[in-house]
Structure formats: C-alpha cells, structure tokens
Amino acid sequence: MTAEDKRDVVGGPVEEAGAPGVPGASPDGLNMLDGARAQTPIMAPELAGQLRLAADRMLPLEQRLEAIEDIIDSEIGDTNFTRGRNVERQFGLRQIYLKFEGGNPTGTQKDRIAFAHAMDAVRRGFETITGATCGNFGAALALAASMAGLKSLIYIPEGFHTRRVREMLDLGASIVRVPGDYENAVSVSVREAEEKELYDANPGGANTALQLQAYGQIAYEIYDELRDAPKVVAAPVSNGTTLAGVYRGFLSLYRRGKTSRIPQIVAGSSHNKNPIVTSFIKGLEKCEDLHPGRIKETPVNEPLINWHAIDGDLALQAIRQTGGWASNATDKTMTAYSRLIREQEGLNVLPASTAGLAVLLERHRQQVLAGDRYVVLLTGKK
C-alpha cells in the first residue's frame, strides 16, 4: 500500500504484516477469546511445490490456476462426516450425522468461499482481495490470498479483538480498523473495492453466486456419504450464506434426479439476535432488520449475531420452501452442547457451532421426530 493508502481511511489505522499484535480489548471492546483455530500444519507439507507455483505471478495464468485447483482439491472440503451414535443414544434419534467443517485449514467453512474467491480473483487479473470480518473469514481470506499470490485488505470493526488478527498479519494481510459494527465494515470494504478496483469477497455483492456455489459443495459431500438427501440439515446461521448455499446444492441434486427429496433446512442462532430466525418466528416473507442497539455480543454468540443478515432473504426462502424451521439457542445451551460433542463424539467445536444441533434437539424434545436420517453442520473448530 502507498503512504496515501495507509491513511486513516475511516477512523482506524492500517495494521500490516509484521506489525505488533493487537493489544487486549478495551473495557468496552469485545475480547474474542473463543474464536476458531486453524489446523496444524495449516496446509499439507507435500503441497509446497504447488503453493510456490500458485503464488508466482511470473508464471502463465493457466499454470497458476492449475496449481490453485490442486490445492483446493487437496485441502478444502471433504470434511469429517460421522454418525453421532452417542448423541443418538442420549436423545433417542434414529440416525444423526455430524458434518464437521472445522476440518478445513483455518478451522471453519469460511475456507470454502475464501479459496473460491482467491481463484476467481487470479483468473480475472486482480492483485488485491478485500473483505470484512470479525475473525474467522479474515483468517480464511488471508490464507487463500497468500496461497494465490494476492494481497489481502481486511476490515475489522474496531471494537472486536480476536486472536486471529495475529494469524492474518502473519499471512501477509493488511488490516483496517473501522468504527461501528460488522455491517459498517462490510460497507466500507465494498466501497473501497469499487473505488480502488479490488476484488470484493464480501457477502451480498456481485460474487454472491460464487459463494453459494462453494457452500453448495457441502450438500454434494453429504450426498456422497448418504447416497440420498437426509430428512433434515440443521446448521447455525448468521448472514445466511452457508444455509442458502447448502439449500441450492440440494436443489440442484434433486433437479438432476440424484436425490429423492430436498432436506428440510433448519437454522439455529443466538437468542433474539439474528434477523433470519426472528423473521421466521414472526412469519415474515422477507428478512427484517433488527434494532442495532439491541444486539449484544458475547464470546459465545459473536459468530451468529447481526442486526442485518446480508443473505437473509435467501436463507429464509430456503427454510420456508423446504418446510424447515428456525429457532433460538442461549449461550448456556450452546456451551453445554459443545461440551457434549467433545465428550461424547470427540469433536472440539465452537459453542456457536452447535446452534443448529440445539434447535433440532429442542424440536425432538417437544415432538418426537420421525425415524430418519438427520445431518447437523458443525462449522467451527475450537
């Protein structure tokens, strides 16, 4: 970045690779100590040659794209899919399967879209990729950019302090702190992308179709394991992009005659802090924004909450068209289920990752679910 680019764009300084780590949160800031964790090593050592090729801007485009595709095929997706027999026994469900997205390199499903964006950016001739984050997506974007020989410019709300900032900086990202909330960080990142001709990796923009396609791979992977669609796919929900992508994937499989049905889409989120869930409960056809001042973050609920769900209409449509449902989960409940999954099934998941599971099991407690196959997405590694 030039000296002019390093100016205080929106009231926050740029943090560059090699800069000191972010200090502890201020009294009114949120110290996100419960963020997802990357794999160790973060990428397979045997891919070192492909990583060099992918990042070498002097090589022909076709050679770089082939290397990037090899890396994505090797490292992204095909995450752990296991039957939760102990959960079945404890709660009386016939078959429940756990799809653990924490097996991706930076520990969440965000790697799927970050790597898809990086490959698209290289194909289209961009040099810099930008996006807003409160932690996990920034780590994924920084890794994907470094792999593809791109610069990454990541916008973070100034009140959020996550251990993943150090990770982003180590991967070569430049970070800009912006006042306000995540939604404002997205707006600033989008504006900068337009003005400076950067690749926009934010949700809700021109590249949304690519994100939905990337998350649709989760549906294909579930199909590969079950050879049909399950009765239900339950997942935590925030902006709604993951949920909408999974639905689109199953819709494609059904239309092509691969599955006998489309699963019911079930969404779980933090209690009264997500517009998709709130809009579903109210019976609304469109996703209605919440009042920003009523949204309070905690180290548990932060991955789920927002006053405006950028792909909320798409997610709400997926829930309604499949006969699914959406409901809330408390921090206490999500923490308890995170402990349960760790102790009973051996998966170390973020508490927020269990919101879909919590909502599914609460419905089963109220009204026994039919004997069938149920899939729960667990989206973050603790």
Protein backbone atom coordinates (compact mmCIF):
# COMPACT_ATOMS: atom_id res chain seq x y z
CA MET A 1 0.00 0.00 0.00
CA THR A 2 1.20 3.53 -0.66
CA ALA A 3 1.55 6.14 2.06
CA GLU A 4 -1.72 7.64 0.86
CA ASP A 5 -3.44 4.24 1.06
CA LYS A 6 -2.26 3.91 4.68
CA ARG A 7 -4.20 6.95 5.75
CA ASP A 8 -6.87 6.62 8.40
CA VAL A 9 -9.49 5.57 5.83
CA VAL A 10 -12.48 5.57 8.17
CA GLY A 11 -11.04 6.44 11.53
CA GLY A 12 -8.90 3.33 12.02
CA PRO A 13 -5.21 2.66 11.24
CA VAL A 14 -3.87 0.05 8.86
CA GLU A 15 -2.10 -2.86 10.54
CA GLU A 16 0.40 -4.52 8.24
CA ALA A 17 2.20 -7.85 8.28
CA GLY A 18 4.95 -7.81 10.86
CA ALA A 19 3.23 -5.17 12.98
CA PRO A 20 2.80 -5.75 16.71
CA GLY A 21 -0.14 -7.92 17.76
CA VAL A 22 -3.41 -6.33 18.70
CA PRO A 23 -3.48 -5.49 22.40
CA GLY A 24 -6.14 -6.79 24.74
CA ALA A 25 -9.61 -5.44 24.40
CA SER A 26 -10.54 -2.16 25.94
CA PRO A 27 -13.21 -2.22 28.67
CA ASP A 28 -15.93 -1.54 26.10
CA GLY A 29 -14.46 -3.83 23.44
CA LEU A 30 -15.18 -7.50 22.85
CA ASN A 31 -12.29 -9.85 23.50
CA MET A 32 -12.99 -12.77 21.21
CA LEU A 33 -11.01 -15.47 23.01
CA ASP A 34 -13.33 -18.21 21.77
CA GLY A 35 -12.53 -17.94 18.07
CA ALA A 36 -11.95 -20.90 15.78
CA ARG A 37 -8.50 -22.45 15.47
CA ALA A 38 -6.53 -23.40 12.38
CA GLN A 39 -5.19 -26.86 11.63
CA THR A 40 -1.57 -27.67 12.41
CA PRO A 41 0.14 -27.55 9.99
CA ILE A 42 -2.31 -25.25 8.28
CA MET A 43 -1.58 -26.76 4.83
CA ALA A 44 -0.18 -30.18 3.90
CA PRO A 45 3.65 -30.06 3.60
CA GLU A 46 3.56 -32.08 0.38
CA LEU A 47 1.81 -29.16 -1.33
CA ALA A 48 4.85 -26.88 -1.01
CA GLY A 49 5.61 -27.14 -4.73
CA GLN A 50 2.05 -26.31 -5.75
CA LEU A 51 1.97 -23.38 -3.32
CA ARG A 52 5.08 -21.91 -4.93
CA LEU A 53 3.54 -22.23 -8.38
CA ALA A 54 0.21 -20.73 -7.32
CA ALA A 55 1.85 -17.66 -5.79
CA ASP A 56 4.35 -17.00 -8.59
CA ARG A 57 2.91 -14.06 -10.55
CA MET A 58 5.57 -14.50 -13.26
CA LEU A 59 4.17 -17.86 -14.34
CA PRO A 60 1.50 -18.27 -17.05
CA LEU A 61 -2.03 -17.89 -15.73
CA GLU A 62 -3.03 -21.43 -16.72
CA GLN A 63 -0.17 -22.93 -14.70
CA ARG A 64 -1.08 -20.90 -11.61
CA LEU A 65 -4.78 -21.78 -11.86
CA GLU A 66 -3.95 -25.46 -12.20
CA ALA A 67 -1.83 -25.28 -9.05
CA ILE A 68 -4.57 -23.43 -7.14
CA GLU A 69 -7.13 -26.01 -8.23
CA ASP A 70 -4.84 -28.80 -6.99
CA ILE A 71 -4.54 -27.08 -3.61
CA ILE A 72 -8.31 -26.62 -3.31
CA ASP A 73 -8.97 -30.24 -4.27
CA SER A 74 -6.49 -31.42 -1.66
CA GLU A 75 -7.22 -29.10 1.25
CA ILE A 76 -10.73 -27.64 1.04
CA GLY A 77 -13.89 -29.57 1.82
CA ASP A 78 -14.40 -33.32 2.12
CA THR A 79 -14.64 -32.64 5.83
CA ASN A 80 -15.32 -35.21 8.52
CA PHE A 81 -18.74 -36.86 8.31
CA THR A 82 -19.55 -39.19 11.15
CA ARG A 83 -22.56 -40.79 12.75
CA GLY A 84 -23.18 -39.41 16.23
CA ARG A 85 -24.13 -42.68 17.87
CA ASN A 86 -23.69 -41.40 21.41
CA VAL A 87 -25.92 -38.42 20.68
CA GLU A 88 -28.48 -40.81 19.21
CA ARG A 89 -28.48 -42.93 22.33
CA GLN A 90 -28.74 -39.97 24.66
CA PHE A 91 -31.57 -38.22 22.81
CA GLY A 92 -33.38 -41.08 21.12
CA LEU A 93 -32.87 -40.09 17.50
CA ARG A 94 -32.58 -42.88 14.95
CA GLN A 95 -29.67 -41.58 12.86
CA ILE A 96 -27.85 -38.30 13.34
CA TYR A 97 -24.75 -37.41 11.35
CA LEU A 98 -22.23 -34.71 12.20
CA LYS A 99 -20.61 -32.78 9.34
CA PHE A 100 -17.54 -31.13 10.91
CA GLU A 101 -16.42 -28.09 8.92
CA GLY A 102 -13.66 -27.43 11.44
CA GLY A 103 -11.53 -29.79 9.37
CA ASN A 104 -10.84 -27.05 6.84
CA PRO A 105 -7.40 -25.36 7.05
CA THR A 106 -8.36 -22.36 9.20
CA GLY A 107 -10.97 -24.29 11.17
CA THR A 108 -14.29 -23.18 9.61
CA GLN A 109 -16.42 -23.45 6.48
CA LYS A 110 -15.22 -19.96 5.52
CA ASP A 111 -12.25 -21.54 3.73
CA ARG A 112 -14.63 -22.82 1.07
CA ILE A 113 -15.60 -19.35 -0.13
CA ALA A 114 -12.24 -17.72 0.57
CA PHE A 115 -10.36 -20.12 -1.69
CA ALA A 116 -13.06 -19.93 -4.37
CA HIS A 117 -12.74 -16.13 -4.32
CA ALA A 118 -8.94 -16.27 -4.48
CA MET A 119 -9.01 -18.49 -7.55
CA ASP A 120 -11.61 -16.26 -9.20
CA ALA A 121 -9.54 -13.17 -8.41
CA VAL A 122 -6.44 -14.67 -10.04
CA ARG A 123 -8.44 -15.76 -13.09
CA ARG A 124 -9.83 -12.24 -13.51
CA GLY A 125 -6.49 -10.46 -13.05
CA PHE A 126 -6.95 -8.83 -9.64
CA GLU A 127 -3.97 -8.13 -7.41
CA THR A 128 -5.76 -7.44 -4.11
CA ILE A 129 -8.75 -9.07 -2.45
CA THR A 130 -10.78 -7.41 0.28
CA GLY A 131 -13.43 -8.40 2.81
CA ALA A 132 -14.84 -7.52 6.21
CA THR A 133 -14.66 -9.86 9.18
CA CYS A 134 -14.88 -10.27 12.92
CA GLY A 135 -12.25 -13.02 12.80
CA ASN A 136 -12.80 -16.32 11.03
CA PHE A 137 -13.43 -15.13 7.48
CA GLY A 138 -10.44 -12.79 7.73
CA ALA A 139 -8.15 -15.70 8.60
CA ALA A 140 -9.53 -17.73 5.70
CA LEU A 141 -9.21 -14.83 3.26
CA ALA A 142 -5.66 -14.06 4.35
CA LEU A 143 -4.61 -17.68 3.88
CA ALA A 144 -6.30 -18.01 0.49
CA ALA A 145 -4.77 -14.74 -0.73
CA SER A 146 -1.27 -15.69 0.39
CA MET A 147 -1.64 -19.05 -1.33
CA ALA A 148 -2.66 -17.37 -4.60
CA GLY A 149 -0.02 -14.62 -4.60
CA LEU A 150 -2.58 -11.90 -3.83
CA LYS A 151 -2.60 -9.05 -1.36
CA SER A 152 -5.42 -9.06 1.17
CA LEU A 153 -7.02 -5.99 2.75
CA ILE A 154 -9.25 -6.91 5.66
CA TYR A 155 -11.64 -4.61 7.52
CA ILE A 156 -12.46 -5.31 11.17
CA PRO A 157 -14.82 -3.40 13.49
CA GLU A 158 -12.62 -1.53 15.92
CA GLY A 159 -14.47 -2.92 18.95
CA PHE A 160 -13.58 -6.53 18.12
CA HIS A 161 -10.34 -8.03 19.32
CA THR A 162 -9.67 -11.55 18.11
CA ARG A 163 -6.59 -13.70 18.40
CA ARG A 164 -6.94 -14.33 14.66
CA VAL A 165 -5.56 -10.85 13.88
CA ARG A 166 -2.06 -12.17 14.56
CA GLU A 167 -2.77 -15.03 12.18
CA MET A 168 -3.96 -12.66 9.44
CA LEU A 169 -0.87 -10.47 9.82
CA ASP A 170 1.45 -13.47 9.71
CA LEU A 171 -0.20 -14.46 6.43
CA GLY A 172 0.58 -11.04 4.95
CA ALA A 173 -2.77 -9.31 5.32
CA SER A 174 -3.20 -5.58 5.86
CA ILE A 175 -5.92 -4.78 8.38
CA VAL A 176 -8.00 -1.65 8.69
CA ARG A 177 -9.95 -0.97 11.88
CA VAL A 178 -13.26 0.77 11.24
CA PRO A 179 -15.71 2.35 13.69
CA GLY A 180 -19.08 0.76 14.22
CA ASP A 181 -20.25 -2.79 13.66
CA TYR A 182 -19.61 -5.59 11.19
CA GLU A 183 -22.25 -4.27 8.80
CA ASN A 184 -20.39 -0.96 8.58
CA ALA A 185 -17.11 -2.80 7.99
CA VAL A 186 -18.73 -4.60 5.05
CA SER A 187 -19.98 -1.28 3.62
CA VAL A 188 -16.52 0.28 3.86
CA SER A 189 -14.84 -2.75 2.30
CA VAL A 190 -17.34 -2.78 -0.58
CA ARG A 191 -16.83 0.93 -1.19
CA GLU A 192 -13.05 0.56 -1.21
CA ALA A 193 -13.32 -2.36 -3.62
CA GLU A 194 -15.35 -0.23 -6.04
CA GLU A 195 -13.13 2.84 -5.77
CA LYS A 196 -9.77 1.04 -5.98
CA GLU A 197 -10.79 -1.84 -8.27
CA LEU A 198 -10.11 -4.52 -5.66
CA TYR A 199 -11.72 -7.95 -5.69
CA ASP A 200 -14.79 -7.83 -3.44
CA ALA A 201 -15.13 -11.02 -1.35
CA ASN A 202 -17.92 -9.67 0.85
CA PRO A 203 -21.33 -11.32 1.08
CA GLY A 204 -24.25 -9.82 -0.80
CA GLY A 205 -22.26 -8.45 -3.72
CA ALA A 206 -21.66 -9.38 -7.33
CA ASN A 207 -19.78 -12.52 -6.29
CA THR A 208 -22.58 -13.99 -4.16
CA ALA A 209 -23.30 -16.70 -6.74
CA LEU A 210 -19.74 -17.97 -6.33
CA GLN A 211 -20.21 -18.16 -2.56
CA LEU A 212 -23.47 -20.10 -2.87
CA GLN A 213 -21.81 -22.49 -5.29
CA ALA A 214 -18.89 -23.05 -2.91
CA TYR A 215 -21.18 -23.76 0.04
CA GLY A 216 -23.28 -25.99 -2.21
CA GLN A 217 -20.34 -28.40 -2.15
CA ILE A 218 -21.39 -29.27 1.41
CA ALA A 219 -24.62 -30.71 0.02
CA TYR A 220 -22.73 -32.74 -2.59
CA GLU A 221 -20.43 -34.15 0.10
CA ILE A 222 -23.41 -35.17 2.25
CA TYR A 223 -24.96 -36.84 -0.79
CA ASP A 224 -21.71 -38.71 -1.48
CA GLU A 225 -21.89 -40.20 2.03
CA LEU A 226 -25.63 -40.98 2.23
CA ARG A 227 -26.43 -41.50 -1.49
CA ASP A 228 -29.60 -39.50 -0.91
CA ALA A 229 -30.72 -36.39 0.93
CA PRO A 230 -31.31 -36.63 4.69
CA LYS A 231 -34.61 -35.67 6.29
CA VAL A 232 -33.10 -32.52 7.81
CA VAL A 233 -29.93 -30.45 7.57
CA ALA A 234 -29.55 -28.28 10.67
CA ALA A 235 -26.95 -25.52 10.86
CA PRO A 236 -26.00 -22.38 12.76
CA VAL A 237 -26.95 -19.22 10.90
CA SER A 238 -25.59 -15.67 10.81
CA ASN A 239 -25.68 -13.91 7.42
CA GLY A 240 -27.45 -16.87 5.87
CA THR A 241 -24.95 -17.55 3.07
CA THR A 242 -23.94 -21.04 4.23
CA LEU A 243 -27.56 -22.10 4.71
CA ALA A 244 -28.62 -20.72 1.32
CA GLY A 245 -25.68 -22.42 -0.40
CA VAL A 246 -26.43 -25.81 1.13
CA TYR A 247 -30.06 -25.49 0.04
CA ARG A 248 -29.01 -24.56 -3.52
CA GLY A 249 -26.74 -27.61 -3.59
CA PHE A 250 -29.52 -29.98 -2.62
CA LEU A 251 -31.94 -28.27 -5.00
CA SER A 252 -29.51 -28.95 -7.84
CA LEU A 253 -29.11 -32.59 -6.81
CA TYR A 254 -32.87 -33.07 -6.66
CA ARG A 255 -33.49 -31.46 -10.04
CA ARG A 256 -30.87 -33.72 -11.58
CA GLY A 257 -32.60 -36.77 -10.14
CA LYS A 258 -29.78 -37.64 -7.76
CA THR A 259 -31.90 -37.46 -4.60
CA SER A 260 -35.46 -38.46 -3.78
CA ARG A 261 -36.13 -35.28 -1.80
CA ILE A 262 -34.77 -31.94 -0.64
CA PRO A 263 -34.00 -31.90 3.09
CA GLN A 264 -35.77 -29.61 5.48
CA ILE A 265 -33.44 -26.71 6.27
CA VAL A 266 -33.23 -25.90 9.98
CA ALA A 267 -31.48 -22.80 11.35
CA GLY A 268 -30.31 -22.02 14.85
CA SER A 269 -28.89 -18.79 16.18
CA SER A 270 -28.36 -16.74 19.33
CA HIS A 271 -31.47 -15.84 21.31
CA ASN A 272 -33.31 -12.93 19.62
CA LYS A 273 -30.12 -11.67 17.97
CA ASN A 274 -30.42 -12.88 14.40
CA PRO A 275 -32.86 -11.39 11.84
CA ILE A 276 -33.34 -14.65 9.91
CA VAL A 277 -34.56 -16.54 12.96
CA THR A 278 -36.59 -13.60 14.23
CA SER A 279 -38.24 -13.08 10.84
CA PHE A 280 -39.12 -16.77 10.58
CA ILE A 281 -40.70 -16.78 14.05
CA LYS A 282 -42.73 -13.69 13.12
CA GLY A 283 -43.96 -15.37 9.95
CA LEU A 284 -42.42 -12.77 7.65
CA GLU A 285 -41.79 -13.43 3.96
CA LYS A 286 -38.74 -11.14 3.88
CA CYS A 287 -35.92 -10.85 6.35
CA GLU A 288 -36.48 -7.85 8.62
CA ASP A 289 -33.57 -6.00 10.22
CA LEU A 290 -33.24 -5.89 13.99
CA HIS A 291 -32.51 -2.76 16.01
CA PRO A 292 -28.70 -2.39 16.07
CA GLY A 293 -28.68 -1.08 19.63
CA ARG A 294 -30.25 -4.26 20.97
CA ILE A 295 -27.53 -6.56 19.66
CA LYS A 296 -25.07 -7.50 22.39
CA GLU A 297 -22.08 -9.67 21.59
CA THR A 298 -20.55 -12.26 23.89
CA PRO A 299 -17.54 -14.53 23.32
CA VAL A 300 -20.04 -17.34 22.63
CA ASN A 301 -22.62 -15.74 20.34
CA GLU A 302 -20.48 -13.42 18.19
CA PRO A 303 -20.23 -15.76 15.15
CA LEU A 304 -24.04 -15.81 14.94
CA ILE A 305 -25.40 -12.36 15.67
CA ASN A 306 -26.08 -9.36 13.46
CA TRP A 307 -28.83 -6.82 13.01
CA HIS A 308 -28.82 -7.20 9.23
CA ALA A 309 -28.45 -10.62 7.56
CA ILE A 310 -26.91 -9.88 4.17
CA ASP A 311 -28.19 -13.08 2.54
CA GLY A 312 -31.12 -13.32 4.92
CA ASP A 313 -33.83 -13.40 2.26
CA LEU A 314 -32.13 -16.34 0.55
CA ALA A 315 -31.80 -18.25 3.82
CA LEU A 316 -35.38 -17.51 4.86
CA GLN A 317 -36.58 -18.73 1.47
CA ALA A 318 -34.59 -21.96 1.91
CA ILE A 319 -36.16 -22.63 5.32
CA ARG A 320 -39.71 -21.94 4.17
CA GLN A 321 -39.58 -23.74 0.83
CA THR A 322 -38.28 -26.94 2.43
CA GLY A 323 -40.75 -26.94 5.33
CA GLY A 324 -37.92 -26.36 7.77
CA TRP A 325 -37.83 -24.19 10.85
CA ALA A 326 -35.65 -21.72 12.75
CA SER A 327 -35.28 -21.03 16.44
CA ASN A 328 -33.00 -19.57 19.12
CA ALA A 329 -30.40 -21.04 21.45
CA THR A 330 -28.90 -19.49 24.56
CA ASP A 331 -25.18 -19.15 25.26
CA LYS A 332 -25.59 -21.65 28.11
CA THR A 333 -27.22 -24.21 25.83
CA MET A 334 -24.64 -23.85 23.07
CA THR A 335 -21.79 -24.16 25.55
CA ALA A 336 -23.36 -27.30 27.01
CA TYR A 337 -23.74 -28.90 23.57
CA SER A 338 -20.16 -28.00 22.66
CA ARG A 339 -19.04 -29.89 25.77
CA LEU A 340 -21.36 -32.78 24.90
CA ILE A 341 -19.97 -33.12 21.37
CA ARG A 342 -16.41 -33.01 22.68
CA GLU A 343 -17.00 -35.59 25.41
CA GLN A 344 -19.39 -37.91 23.55
CA GLU A 345 -18.20 -37.67 19.93
CA GLY A 346 -14.60 -36.44 20.19
CA LEU A 347 -15.05 -33.26 18.13
CA ASN A 348 -13.77 -29.98 19.56
CA VAL A 349 -16.33 -27.47 18.25
CA LEU A 350 -17.08 -23.82 18.95
CA PRO A 351 -20.19 -23.37 21.13
CA ALA A 352 -21.83 -21.20 18.44
CA SER A 353 -21.31 -24.06 16.00
CA THR A 354 -23.88 -26.15 17.89
CA ALA A 355 -26.83 -23.76 17.41
CA GLY A 356 -28.38 -25.94 14.69
CA LEU A 357 -27.99 -29.06 16.82
CA ALA A 358 -29.60 -27.30 19.79
CA VAL A 359 -32.63 -26.28 17.73
CA LEU A 360 -33.02 -29.76 16.22
CA LEU A 361 -32.88 -31.50 19.60
CA GLU A 362 -35.27 -28.98 21.17
CA ARG A 363 -37.85 -29.78 18.47
CA HIS A 364 -37.28 -33.50 19.13
CA ARG A 365 -37.87 -32.92 22.85
CA GLN A 366 -41.14 -31.13 22.16
CA GLN A 367 -42.35 -33.51 19.47
CA VAL A 368 -40.53 -36.75 18.71
CA LEU A 369 -39.03 -36.57 15.23
CA ALA A 370 -39.64 -39.35 12.73
CA GLY A 371 -37.16 -42.18 12.45
CA ASP A 372 -34.98 -40.94 9.60
CA ARG A 373 -31.54 -39.51 8.87
CA TYR A 374 -30.59 -36.08 10.23
CA VAL A 375 -27.44 -34.09 9.47
CA VAL A 376 -26.02 -31.34 11.67
CA LEU A 377 -23.38 -28.90 10.41
CA LEU A 378 -20.74 -28.06 12.98
CA THR A 379 -18.99 -25.08 11.46
CA GLY A 380 -16.07 -24.19 13.70
CA LYS A 381 -13.14 -25.87 15.40
CA LYS A 382 -12.43 -24.72 18.93
